[in-house]
C-alpha atoms as a PDB file:
ATOM      1  CA  MET A   1      -1.425 -22.635  14.419  1.00  0.00           C
ATOM      2  CA  LEU A   2      -4.508 -21.547  16.376  1.00  0.00           C
ATOM      3  CA  ASP A   3      -2.659 -22.311  19.603  1.00  0.00           C
ATOM      4  CA  GLU A   4       0.188 -20.064  18.494  1.00  0.00           C
ATOM      5  CA  ILE A   5      -2.264 -17.257  17.719  1.00  0.00           C
ATOM      6  CA  SER A   6      -3.963 -17.712  21.125  1.00  0.00           C
ATOM      7  CA  THR A   7      -0.603 -17.603  22.844  1.00  0.00           C
ATOM      8  CA  TRP A   8       0.311 -14.457  20.913  1.00  0.00           C
ATOM      9  CA  ILE A   9      -2.960 -12.766  21.922  1.00  0.00           C
ATOM     10  CA  ASP A  10      -2.292 -13.482  25.604  1.00  0.00           C
ATOM     11  CA  LYS A  11       1.130 -11.797  25.531  1.00  0.00           C
ATOM     12  CA  PRO A  12       1.550  -8.309  26.941  1.00  0.00           C
ATOM     13  CA  ALA A  13       0.600  -5.391  24.747  1.00  0.00           C
ATOM     14  CA  THR A  14       4.221  -4.284  24.394  1.00  0.00           C
ATOM     15  CA  VAL A  15       5.145  -7.518  22.644  1.00  0.00           C
ATOM     16  CA  ARG A  16       2.210  -7.155  20.241  1.00  0.00           C
ATOM     17  CA  VAL A  17       3.015  -3.500  19.562  1.00  0.00           C
ATOM     18  CA  SER A  18       6.660  -4.432  18.996  1.00  0.00           C
ATOM     19  CA  ALA A  19       5.591  -7.117  16.527  1.00  0.00           C
ATOM     20  CA  LEU A  20       3.402  -4.595  14.706  1.00  0.00           C
ATOM     21  CA  LEU A  21       6.241  -2.081  14.517  1.00  0.00           C
ATOM     22  CA  LEU A  22       8.601  -4.766  13.260  1.00  0.00           C
ATOM     23  CA  ALA A  23       6.090  -5.796  10.574  1.00  0.00           C
ATOM     24  CA  CYS A  24       5.684  -2.142   9.524  1.00  0.00           C
ATOM     25  CA  ILE A  25       9.440  -1.595   9.382  1.00  0.00           C
ATOM     26  CA  LEU A  26      10.038  -4.777   7.388  1.00  0.00           C
ATOM     27  CA  SER A  27       7.265  -3.921   4.926  1.00  0.00           C
ATOM     28  CA  GLY A  28       8.733  -0.415   4.576  1.00  0.00           C
ATOM     29  CA  VAL A  29      12.204  -1.804   3.921  1.00  0.00           C
ATOM     30  CA  TRP A  30      10.794  -4.206   1.326  1.00  0.00           C
ATOM     31  CA  ALA A  31       8.744  -1.471  -0.372  1.00  0.00           C
ATOM     32  CA  ASN A  32      11.682   0.937  -0.404  1.00  0.00           C
ATOM     33  CA  SER A  33      13.969  -1.721  -1.897  1.00  0.00           C
ATOM     34  CA  LEU A  34      11.485  -2.181  -4.763  1.00  0.00           C
ATOM     35  CA  ILE A  35      11.440   1.540  -5.444  1.00  0.00           C
ATOM     36  CA  GLU A  36      15.204   1.940  -5.166  1.00  0.00           C
ATOM     37  CA  SER A  37      15.814  -0.969  -7.560  1.00  0.00           C
ATOM     38  CA  VAL A  38      14.705   1.164 -10.515  1.00  0.00           C
ATOM     39  CA  ASP A  39      17.774   2.304 -12.441  1.00  0.00           C
ATOM     40  CA  TYR A  40      17.782   5.730 -14.066  1.00  0.00           C
ATOM     41  CA  LYS A  41      19.978   6.742 -16.956  1.00  0.00           C
ATOM     42  CA  LYS A  42      21.444  10.223 -17.193  1.00  0.00           C
ATOM     43  CA  VAL A  43      19.142  12.475 -19.194  1.00  0.00           C
ATOM     44  CA  VAL A  44      20.612  14.614 -21.945  1.00  0.00           C
ATOM     45  CA  PRO A  45      18.687  16.953 -24.257  1.00  0.00           C
ATOM     46  CA  SER A  46      17.326  15.145 -27.286  1.00  0.00           C
ATOM     47  CA  CYS A  47      14.287  15.017 -29.540  1.00  0.00           C
ATOM     48  CA  SER A  48      11.525  12.591 -28.583  1.00  0.00           C
ATOM     49  CA  THR A  49       9.292  10.820 -31.058  1.00  0.00           C
ATOM     50  CA  GLU A  50       5.505  11.052 -31.055  1.00  0.00           C
ATOM     51  CA  ALA A  51       5.229   7.368 -30.070  1.00  0.00           C
ATOM     52  CA  GLU A  52       7.407   7.977 -27.007  1.00  0.00           C
ATOM     53  CA  ARG A  53       5.177  10.877 -26.014  1.00  0.00           C
ATOM     54  CA  ARG A  54       2.047   8.712 -26.270  1.00  0.00           C
ATOM     55  CA  VAL A  55       3.671   5.991 -24.149  1.00  0.00           C
ATOM     56  CA  ALA A  56       4.760   8.565 -21.588  1.00  0.00           C
ATOM     57  CA  ASP A  57       1.230   9.948 -21.416  1.00  0.00           C
ATOM     58  CA  GLN A  58      -0.138   6.426 -20.840  1.00  0.00           C
ATOM     59  CA  PHE A  59       2.394   5.811 -18.073  1.00  0.00           C
ATOM     60  CA  ILE A  60       1.426   8.955 -16.224  1.00  0.00           C
ATOM     61  CA  THR A  61      -2.289   8.195 -16.648  1.00  0.00           C
ATOM     62  CA  GLN A  62      -1.845   4.690 -15.220  1.00  0.00           C
ATOM     63  CA  SER A  63       0.278   5.988 -12.364  1.00  0.00           C
ATOM     64  CA  SER A  64      -2.301   8.676 -11.545  1.00  0.00           C
ATOM     65  CA  ASN A  65      -5.089   6.089 -11.560  1.00  0.00           C
ATOM     66  CA  LEU A  66      -3.152   3.880  -9.156  1.00  0.00           C
ATOM     67  CA  GLU A  67      -2.410   6.865  -6.947  1.00  0.00           C
ATOM     68  CA  THR A  68      -6.114   7.701  -6.807  1.00  0.00           C
ATOM     69  CA  TRP A  69      -7.008   4.132  -5.907  1.00  0.00           C
ATOM     70  CA  ALA A  70      -4.316   4.017  -3.206  1.00  0.00           C
ATOM     71  CA  LEU A  71      -5.693   7.195  -1.636  1.00  0.00           C
ATOM     72  CA  ALA A  72      -9.224   5.790  -1.822  1.00  0.00           C
ATOM     73  CA  LEU A  73      -8.047   2.579  -0.174  1.00  0.00           C
ATOM     74  CA  LEU A  74      -6.383   4.542   2.624  1.00  0.00           C
ATOM     75  CA  GLY A  75      -9.695   6.364   3.149  1.00  0.00           C
ATOM     76  CA  PHE A  76     -11.522   3.041   3.188  1.00  0.00           C
ATOM     77  CA  ILE A  77      -9.161   1.687   5.833  1.00  0.00           C
ATOM     78  CA  THR A  78      -9.790   4.787   7.929  1.00  0.00           C
ATOM     79  CA  ALA A  79     -13.541   4.185   7.641  1.00  0.00           C
ATOM     80  CA  ILE A  80     -13.090   0.570   8.742  1.00  0.00           C
ATOM     81  CA  ILE A  81     -11.072   1.691  11.769  1.00  0.00           C
ATOM     82  CA  VAL A  82     -13.858   4.083  12.759  1.00  0.00           C
ATOM     83  CA  THR A  83     -16.433   1.324  12.305  1.00  0.00           C
ATOM     84  CA  THR A  84     -14.469  -1.042  14.519  1.00  0.00           C
ATOM     85  CA  ARG A  85     -14.589   1.552  17.291  1.00  0.00           C
ATOM     86  CA  VAL A  86     -18.385   1.231  17.202  1.00  0.00           C
ATOM     87  CA  HIS A  87     -18.606  -2.564  16.935  1.00  0.00           C
ATOM     88  CA  ARG A  88     -16.775  -4.958  19.194  1.00  0.00           C
ATOM     89  CA  LEU A  89     -14.848  -7.871  17.706  1.00  0.00           C
ATOM     90  CA  LYS A  90     -13.115 -10.437  19.850  1.00  0.00           C
ATOM     91  CA  HIS A  91      -9.364 -10.580  19.145  1.00  0.00           C
ATOM     92  CA  ALA A  92      -9.494  -7.644  16.717  1.00  0.00           C
ATOM     93  CA  GLU A  93      -5.785  -7.069  17.305  1.00  0.00           C
ATOM     94  CA  ILE A  94      -5.026  -9.959  14.932  1.00  0.00           C
ATOM     95  CA  ALA A  95      -6.747  -8.133  12.086  1.00  0.00           C
ATOM     96  CA  PHE A  96      -5.062  -4.861  12.987  1.00  0.00           C
ATOM     97  CA  ALA A  97      -1.661  -6.576  12.797  1.00  0.00           C
ATOM     98  CA  LEU A  98      -2.277  -6.760   9.031  1.00  0.00           C
ATOM     99  CA  LEU A  99      -3.288  -3.131   8.804  1.00  0.00           C
ATOM    100  CA  GLY A 100       0.046  -1.563   9.772  1.00  0.00           C
ATOM    101  CA  PRO A 101       2.069  -3.153   6.964  1.00  0.00           C
ATOM    102  CA  ALA A 102      -0.791  -2.473   4.510  1.00  0.00           C
ATOM    103  CA  LEU A 103      -0.690   1.238   5.332  1.00  0.00           C
ATOM    104  CA  VAL A 104       3.101   1.382   5.009  1.00  0.00           C
ATOM    105  CA  ILE A 105       3.060  -0.419   1.664  1.00  0.00           C
ATOM    106  CA  LEU A 106       0.281   1.821   0.311  1.00  0.00           C
ATOM    107  CA  LEU A 107       2.224   4.913   1.376  1.00  0.00           C
ATOM    108  CA  PHE A 108       5.263   3.616  -0.511  1.00  0.00           C
ATOM    109  CA  SER A 109       2.995   3.024  -3.523  1.00  0.00           C
ATOM    110  CA  LEU A 110       2.140   6.718  -3.370  1.00  0.00           C
ATOM    111  CA  ARG A 111       5.862   7.502  -3.123  1.00  0.00           C
ATOM    112  CA  ALA A 112       6.511   5.418  -6.242  1.00  0.00           C
ATOM    113  CA  ALA A 113       3.800   7.400  -8.063  1.00  0.00           C
ATOM    114  CA  ARG A 114       5.453  10.668  -7.068  1.00  0.00           C
ATOM    115  CA  LEU A 115       8.885   9.467  -8.165  1.00  0.00           C
ATOM    116  CA  ALA A 116       7.537   8.242 -11.516  1.00  0.00           C
ATOM    117  CA  ARG A 117       5.850  11.580 -12.100  1.00  0.00           C
ATOM    118  CA  MET A 118       9.043  13.463 -11.182  1.00  0.00           C
ATOM    119  CA  ARG A 119      11.109  11.273 -13.500  1.00  0.00           C
ATOM    120  CA  LEU A 120       8.700  11.724 -16.392  1.00  0.00           C
ATOM    121  CA  THR A 121       8.625  15.478 -15.832  1.00  0.00           C
ATOM    122  CA  ASN A 122      12.416  15.490 -15.970  1.00  0.00           C
ATOM    123  CA  LEU A 123      12.389  13.510 -19.209  1.00  0.00           C
ATOM    124  CA  TYR A 124       9.853  15.910 -20.719  1.00  0.00           C
ATOM    125  CA  ALA A 125      11.940  18.899 -19.630  1.00  0.00           C
ATOM    126  CA  TYR A 126      14.919  17.582 -21.595  1.00  0.00           C
ATOM    127  CA  ASP A 127      12.663  16.425 -24.461  1.00  0.00           C
ATOM    128  CA  ASN A 128      14.329  13.038 -24.154  1.00  0.00           C
ATOM    129  CA  LEU A 129      11.880  10.206 -23.580  1.00  0.00           C
ATOM    130  CA  HIS A 130      14.355   7.493 -24.557  1.00  0.00           C
ATOM    131  CA  ASP A 131      14.574   6.296 -20.915  1.00  0.00           C
ATOM    132  CA  LEU A 132      10.888   5.420 -20.600  1.00  0.00           C
ATOM    133  CA  VAL A 133      12.000   2.001 -19.373  1.00  0.00           C
ATOM    134  CA  SER A 134      12.843   3.523 -15.985  1.00  0.00           C
ATOM    135  CA  VAL A 135       9.394   5.131 -15.733  1.00  0.00           C
ATOM    136  CA  GLY A 136       7.794   1.830 -16.765  1.00  0.00           C
ATOM    137  CA  SER A 137       9.849   0.000 -14.136  1.00  0.00           C
ATOM    138  CA  MET A 138       8.700   2.438 -11.458  1.00  0.00           C
ATOM    139  CA  LEU A 139       5.111   1.938 -12.608  1.00  0.00           C
ATOM    140  CA  LEU A 140       5.535  -1.838 -12.250  1.00  0.00           C
ATOM    141  CA  GLN A 141       6.904  -1.351  -8.726  1.00  0.00           C
ATOM    142  CA  GLN A 142       3.965   0.924  -7.956  1.00  0.00           C
ATOM    143  CA  TRP A 143       1.582  -1.814  -9.159  1.00  0.00           C
ATOM    144  CA  SER A 144       3.365  -4.423  -7.018  1.00  0.00           C
ATOM    145  CA  LEU A 145       3.171  -2.244  -3.928  1.00  0.00           C
ATOM    146  CA  PHE A 146      -0.451  -1.314  -4.555  1.00  0.00           C
ATOM    147  CA  PHE A 147      -1.572  -4.925  -4.904  1.00  0.00           C
ATOM    148  CA  ALA A 148       0.449  -6.049  -1.863  1.00  0.00           C
ATOM    149  CA  GLY A 149      -1.202  -3.317   0.210  1.00  0.00           C
ATOM    150  CA  LEU A 150      -4.584  -4.141  -1.281  1.00  0.00           C
ATOM    151  CA  GLY A 151      -4.138  -7.824  -0.405  1.00  0.00           C
ATOM    152  CA  LEU A 152      -3.321  -7.062   3.226  1.00  0.00           C
ATOM    153  CA  ALA A 153      -6.210  -4.594   3.443  1.00  0.00           C
ATOM    154  CA  ALA A 154      -8.525  -7.228   1.951  1.00  0.00           C
ATOM    155  CA  LEU A 155      -7.440  -9.752   4.591  1.00  0.00           C
ATOM    156  CA  PHE A 156      -8.062  -7.117   7.254  1.00  0.00           C
ATOM    157  CA  THR A 157     -11.514  -6.341   5.873  1.00  0.00           C
ATOM    158  CA  GLY A 158     -12.291 -10.020   5.327  1.00  0.00           C
ATOM    159  CA  THR A 159     -11.735 -10.694   9.015  1.00  0.00           C
ATOM    160  CA  PHE A 160     -14.504  -8.270   9.905  1.00  0.00           C
ATOM    161  CA  LEU A 161     -16.788  -9.394   7.094  1.00  0.00           C
ATOM    162  CA  ILE A 162     -16.565 -13.035   8.176  1.00  0.00           C
ATOM    163  CA  SER A 163     -17.191 -12.025  11.784  1.00  0.00           C
ATOM    164  CA  ILE A 164     -20.232  -9.959  10.812  1.00  0.00           C
ATOM    165  CA  VAL A 165     -21.684 -12.796   8.726  1.00  0.00           C
ATOM    166  CA  ALA A 166     -20.934 -15.293  11.520  1.00  0.00           C
ATOM    167  CA  GLY A 167     -22.730 -13.009  13.982  1.00  0.00           C
ATOM    168  CA  THR A 168     -19.784 -12.557  16.344  1.00  0.00           C
ATOM    169  CA  VAL A 169     -19.582  -8.752  15.982  1.00  0.00           C
ATOM    170  CA  LYS A 170     -21.663  -6.997  18.610  1.00  0.00           C
ATOM    171  CA  PRO A 171     -22.313  -3.277  19.128  1.00  0.00           C
ATOM    172  CA  TYR A 172     -20.614  -1.849  22.198  1.00  0.00           C
ATOM    173  CA  ASP A 173     -23.991  -0.980  23.721  1.00  0.00           C
ATOM    174  CA  GLU A 174     -24.805  -4.681  24.147  1.00  0.00           C
ATOM    175  CA  HIS A 175     -21.739  -5.213  26.344  1.00  0.00           C
ATOM    176  CA  LYS A 176     -22.571  -2.606  28.974  1.00  0.00           C
END
């Protein structure tokens, strides 16, 4: 496997960029398919119970919390990218190959949060919270996307952490 990675690193930049774009597109297609798999029922005016309102409030709170964490994680990734511009890491492109799909998946997690919020707003507008299953399903998809993006971002960050602990990361000034 290490030989395959070495061979991949030695390929021209266009092949590596193409592989990154393909990984981003595939992760976007996967994330979008999760979001689109949520089935919505037609909403008609009705009268919601107090229990349904409490559940709906919990759903929106959980979705908002995930949205906040996803935005924080995107900020963290940006900080890591800036840090890697200051410190040199041999074969950093391997770690960055994980970053593209992580960003795409986290952006789709934010999209799922927006769609869940829109759906819940629509249900509140009709005072019909009987289709909370669809909002719950979107929340589950949002969780799945968030943790997939978090896992890829953790692998990305772990690459640098291991390199720092191993002493293989050097400031750019030392290489002049």
